[in-house]
Amino acid sequence: MDALYTAVATATHGREGRAVSSDGVLDLALGMPQALGGNGQGTNPEQLFAAGYAACFGSALGLVGRTAKVDVSDAAVTAEVSIGKQGEGFGLAVTLRVELPDSVDEATGRKLVEQAHQVCPYSNATRGNIEVDLVIE
């Protein structure tokens, strides 16, 4: 792969620490979610992954929409990232909820979402590794 951009971030003290990007734009406290026994006082890795995946998938959808000459600029993508026990360790699962503009018919919308799933770097990275469900709303 020829890298077009490389993001760099450092996390200290795991889920109870801090994450900072190399340019300082991202600088936030990390915290264990209450559902996993923490106090919920900070962002957790699943939220960061969900935000990144939702944004990236939205961009991929915009790309395939422009190529198909279908306006999906008002689409919204919500990523739900779940963590749970998997064997001896932990695993992730993702549900991507894509809300398309009313002007996009169901068949076209399904085709665009499936194409975006082939283009999105997050989808390509997770394919075959974790379950990703696509839901069109």
C-alpha atoms as a PDB file:
ATOM      1  CA  MET A   1       0.000   0.000   0.000  1.00  0.00           C
ATOM      2  CA  ASP A   2       1.216   3.500  -0.808  1.00  0.00           C
ATOM      3  CA  ALA A   3       0.238   5.569   2.246  1.00  0.00           C
ATOM      4  CA  LEU A   4      -1.443   8.881   1.428  1.00  0.00           C
ATOM      5  CA  TYR A   5      -1.593   9.914   5.081  1.00  0.00           C
ATOM      6  CA  THR A   6      -0.559   8.445   8.420  1.00  0.00           C
ATOM      7  CA  ALA A   7      -2.312   9.376  11.645  1.00  0.00           C
ATOM      8  CA  VAL A   8      -0.273   9.070  14.824  1.00  0.00           C
ATOM      9  CA  ALA A   9      -1.704   8.948  18.338  1.00  0.00           C
ATOM     10  CA  THR A  10      -0.344   7.843  21.679  1.00  0.00           C
ATOM     11  CA  ALA A  11      -2.387   6.401  24.527  1.00  0.00           C
ATOM     12  CA  THR A  12      -1.063   6.162  28.062  1.00  0.00           C
ATOM     13  CA  HIS A  13      -2.447   4.085  30.947  1.00  0.00           C
ATOM     14  CA  GLY A  14      -4.792   2.047  28.751  1.00  0.00           C
ATOM     15  CA  ARG A  15      -8.524   2.592  29.124  1.00  0.00           C
ATOM     16  CA  GLU A  16      -8.073   4.872  32.126  1.00  0.00           C
ATOM     17  CA  GLY A  17      -5.498   7.208  30.599  1.00  0.00           C
ATOM     18  CA  ARG A  18      -5.244   9.790  27.881  1.00  0.00           C
ATOM     19  CA  ALA A  19      -5.048   9.716  24.066  1.00  0.00           C
ATOM     20  CA  VAL A  20      -3.193  12.437  22.185  1.00  0.00           C
ATOM     21  CA  SER A  21      -2.582  12.806  18.456  1.00  0.00           C
ATOM     22  CA  SER A  22       0.863  13.828  17.251  1.00  0.00           C
ATOM     23  CA  ASP A  23      -0.484  17.211  16.105  1.00  0.00           C
ATOM     24  CA  GLY A  24      -2.303  17.832  19.409  1.00  0.00           C
ATOM     25  CA  VAL A  25      -5.717  18.223  17.755  1.00  0.00           C
ATOM     26  CA  LEU A  26      -6.985  15.116  19.550  1.00  0.00           C
ATOM     27  CA  ASP A  27      -6.310  15.234  23.272  1.00  0.00           C
ATOM     28  CA  LEU A  28      -8.802  13.493  25.481  1.00  0.00           C
ATOM     29  CA  ALA A  29      -9.260  11.586  28.675  1.00  0.00           C
ATOM     30  CA  LEU A  30     -10.002   7.884  28.369  1.00  0.00           C
ATOM     31  CA  GLY A  31     -12.322   6.050  30.688  1.00  0.00           C
ATOM     32  CA  MET A  32     -13.808   2.622  31.117  1.00  0.00           C
ATOM     33  CA  PRO A  33     -17.541   2.582  30.279  1.00  0.00           C
ATOM     34  CA  GLN A  34     -19.911   1.950  33.164  1.00  0.00           C
ATOM     35  CA  ALA A  35     -21.145  -1.217  31.452  1.00  0.00           C
ATOM     36  CA  LEU A  36     -17.634  -2.631  31.868  1.00  0.00           C
ATOM     37  CA  GLY A  37     -17.276  -1.541  35.487  1.00  0.00           C
ATOM     38  CA  GLY A  38     -15.805   1.911  34.976  1.00  0.00           C
ATOM     39  CA  ASN A  39     -17.089   5.320  35.991  1.00  0.00           C
ATOM     40  CA  GLY A  40     -17.754   6.412  32.382  1.00  0.00           C
ATOM     41  CA  GLN A  41     -15.718   9.584  32.892  1.00  0.00           C
ATOM     42  CA  GLY A  42     -13.940   9.661  29.556  1.00  0.00           C
ATOM     43  CA  THR A  43     -14.045   8.485  25.998  1.00  0.00           C
ATOM     44  CA  ASN A  44     -13.482   4.790  25.415  1.00  0.00           C
ATOM     45  CA  PRO A  45     -11.812   3.026  22.472  1.00  0.00           C
ATOM     46  CA  GLU A  46     -15.132   1.683  21.174  1.00  0.00           C
ATOM     47  CA  GLN A  47     -16.502   5.238  20.889  1.00  0.00           C
ATOM     48  CA  LEU A  48     -13.390   6.339  19.017  1.00  0.00           C
ATOM     49  CA  PHE A  49     -13.660   3.374  16.646  1.00  0.00           C
ATOM     50  CA  ALA A  50     -17.384   4.053  16.129  1.00  0.00           C
ATOM     51  CA  ALA A  51     -16.767   7.725  15.315  1.00  0.00           C
ATOM     52  CA  GLY A  52     -13.958   6.892  12.895  1.00  0.00           C
ATOM     53  CA  TYR A  53     -15.892   4.131  11.153  1.00  0.00           C
ATOM     54  CA  ALA A  54     -19.059   6.250  10.828  1.00  0.00           C
ATOM     55  CA  ALA A  55     -17.143   9.194   9.358  1.00  0.00           C
ATOM     56  CA  CYS A  56     -15.106   7.038   6.994  1.00  0.00           C
ATOM     57  CA  PHE A  57     -18.142   5.078   5.805  1.00  0.00           C
ATOM     58  CA  GLY A  58     -20.008   8.345   5.210  1.00  0.00           C
ATOM     59  CA  SER A  59     -17.142   9.553   3.027  1.00  0.00           C
ATOM     60  CA  ALA A  60     -17.095   6.268   1.103  1.00  0.00           C
ATOM     61  CA  LEU A  61     -20.855   6.565   0.580  1.00  0.00           C
ATOM     62  CA  GLY A  62     -20.383  10.102  -0.738  1.00  0.00           C
ATOM     63  CA  LEU A  63     -17.736   8.869  -3.173  1.00  0.00           C
ATOM     64  CA  VAL A  64     -19.864   6.080  -4.608  1.00  0.00           C
ATOM     65  CA  GLY A  65     -22.882   8.402  -4.667  1.00  0.00           C
ATOM     66  CA  ARG A  66     -20.997  11.005  -6.722  1.00  0.00           C
ATOM     67  CA  THR A  67     -19.767   8.298  -9.090  1.00  0.00           C
ATOM     68  CA  ALA A  68     -23.356   7.097  -9.553  1.00  0.00           C
ATOM     69  CA  LYS A  69     -24.602  10.700  -9.778  1.00  0.00           C
ATOM     70  CA  VAL A  70     -26.876  10.182  -6.762  1.00  0.00           C
ATOM     71  CA  ASP A  71     -26.968  12.920  -4.120  1.00  0.00           C
ATOM     72  CA  VAL A  72     -26.350  11.326  -0.728  1.00  0.00           C
ATOM     73  CA  SER A  73     -24.836  14.433   0.845  1.00  0.00           C
ATOM     74  CA  ASP A  74     -27.556  14.472   3.522  1.00  0.00           C
ATOM     75  CA  ALA A  75     -26.966  10.849   4.534  1.00  0.00           C
ATOM     76  CA  ALA A  76     -26.088  10.050   8.139  1.00  0.00           C
ATOM     77  CA  VAL A  77     -24.115   7.035   9.316  1.00  0.00           C
ATOM     78  CA  THR A  78     -24.295   5.749  12.880  1.00  0.00           C
ATOM     79  CA  ALA A  79     -21.806   3.087  13.917  1.00  0.00           C
ATOM     80  CA  GLU A  80     -22.612   0.890  16.896  1.00  0.00           C
ATOM     81  CA  VAL A  81     -19.483  -0.873  18.145  1.00  0.00           C
ATOM     82  CA  SER A  82     -20.000  -3.681  20.638  1.00  0.00           C
ATOM     83  CA  ILE A  83     -17.320  -5.400  22.705  1.00  0.00           C
ATOM     84  CA  GLY A  84     -17.723  -8.800  24.299  1.00  0.00           C
ATOM     85  CA  LYS A  85     -15.976 -11.965  25.326  1.00  0.00           C
ATOM     86  CA  GLN A  86     -14.612 -14.019  22.459  1.00  0.00           C
ATOM     87  CA  GLY A  87     -12.786 -17.172  23.442  1.00  0.00           C
ATOM     88  CA  GLU A  88     -10.087 -16.301  25.950  1.00  0.00           C
ATOM     89  CA  GLY A  89     -10.097 -12.618  24.970  1.00  0.00           C
ATOM     90  CA  PHE A  90     -12.458 -10.006  23.623  1.00  0.00           C
ATOM     91  CA  GLY A  91     -13.976  -9.286  20.237  1.00  0.00           C
ATOM     92  CA  LEU A  92     -15.860  -6.524  18.475  1.00  0.00           C
ATOM     93  CA  ALA A  93     -19.005  -6.385  16.365  1.00  0.00           C
ATOM     94  CA  VAL A  94     -20.319  -3.427  14.375  1.00  0.00           C
ATOM     95  CA  THR A  95     -23.715  -2.346  13.139  1.00  0.00           C
ATOM     96  CA  LEU A  96     -23.683   0.483  10.603  1.00  0.00           C
ATOM     97  CA  ARG A  97     -27.021   2.304  10.415  1.00  0.00           C
ATOM     98  CA  VAL A  98     -27.232   4.371   7.247  1.00  0.00           C
ATOM     99  CA  GLU A  99     -29.981   6.968   6.965  1.00  0.00           C
ATOM    100  CA  LEU A 100     -30.338   7.964   3.320  1.00  0.00           C
ATOM    101  CA  PRO A 101     -32.161  10.998   1.956  1.00  0.00           C
ATOM    102  CA  ASP A 102     -35.821  10.385   1.057  1.00  0.00           C
ATOM    103  CA  SER A 103     -34.961  11.091  -2.597  1.00  0.00           C
ATOM    104  CA  VAL A 104     -32.950   7.840  -2.819  1.00  0.00           C
ATOM    105  CA  ASP A 105     -35.080   4.773  -3.573  1.00  0.00           C
ATOM    106  CA  GLU A 106     -34.539   1.567  -1.609  1.00  0.00           C
ATOM    107  CA  ALA A 107     -32.819  -0.443  -4.368  1.00  0.00           C
ATOM    108  CA  THR A 108     -30.421   2.375  -5.256  1.00  0.00           C
ATOM    109  CA  GLY A 109     -29.710   3.007  -1.587  1.00  0.00           C
ATOM    110  CA  ARG A 110     -28.920  -0.658  -0.910  1.00  0.00           C
ATOM    111  CA  LYS A 111     -26.584  -0.769  -3.924  1.00  0.00           C
ATOM    112  CA  LEU A 112     -24.747   2.396  -2.842  1.00  0.00           C
ATOM    113  CA  VAL A 113     -24.363   1.182   0.759  1.00  0.00           C
ATOM    114  CA  GLU A 114     -22.984  -2.158  -0.422  1.00  0.00           C
ATOM    115  CA  GLN A 115     -20.561  -0.374  -2.772  1.00  0.00           C
ATOM    116  CA  ALA A 116     -19.459   1.933   0.059  1.00  0.00           C
ATOM    117  CA  HIS A 117     -18.805  -1.181   2.161  1.00  0.00           C
ATOM    118  CA  GLN A 118     -16.367  -2.355  -0.530  1.00  0.00           C
ATOM    119  CA  VAL A 119     -14.596   1.039  -0.726  1.00  0.00           C
ATOM    120  CA  CYS A 120     -14.400   2.079   2.946  1.00  0.00           C
ATOM    121  CA  PRO A 121     -10.965   1.422   4.511  1.00  0.00           C
ATOM    122  CA  TYR A 122     -12.559   0.513   7.855  1.00  0.00           C
ATOM    123  CA  SER A 123     -14.804  -2.038   6.130  1.00  0.00           C
ATOM    124  CA  ASN A 124     -11.803  -3.456   4.292  1.00  0.00           C
ATOM    125  CA  ALA A 125      -9.802  -3.662   7.525  1.00  0.00           C
ATOM    126  CA  THR A 126     -12.575  -5.426   9.428  1.00  0.00           C
ATOM    127  CA  ARG A 127     -13.807  -7.739   6.653  1.00  0.00           C
ATOM    128  CA  GLY A 128     -13.358 -11.347   7.727  1.00  0.00           C
ATOM    129  CA  ASN A 129     -12.255 -10.266  11.203  1.00  0.00           C
ATOM    130  CA  ILE A 130     -15.411  -8.968  12.854  1.00  0.00           C
ATOM    131  CA  GLU A 131     -19.103  -9.085  12.084  1.00  0.00           C
ATOM    132  CA  VAL A 132     -20.377  -5.911  10.380  1.00  0.00           C
ATOM    133  CA  ASP A 133     -24.119  -5.551   9.805  1.00  0.00           C
ATOM    134  CA  LEU A 134     -25.420  -2.949   7.353  1.00  0.00           C
ATOM    135  CA  VAL A 135     -28.820  -1.470   8.168  1.00  0.00           C
ATOM    136  CA  ILE A 136     -30.514   1.060   5.901  1.00  0.00           C
ATOM    137  CA  GLU A 137     -33.010   3.278   7.672  1.00  0.00           C
END
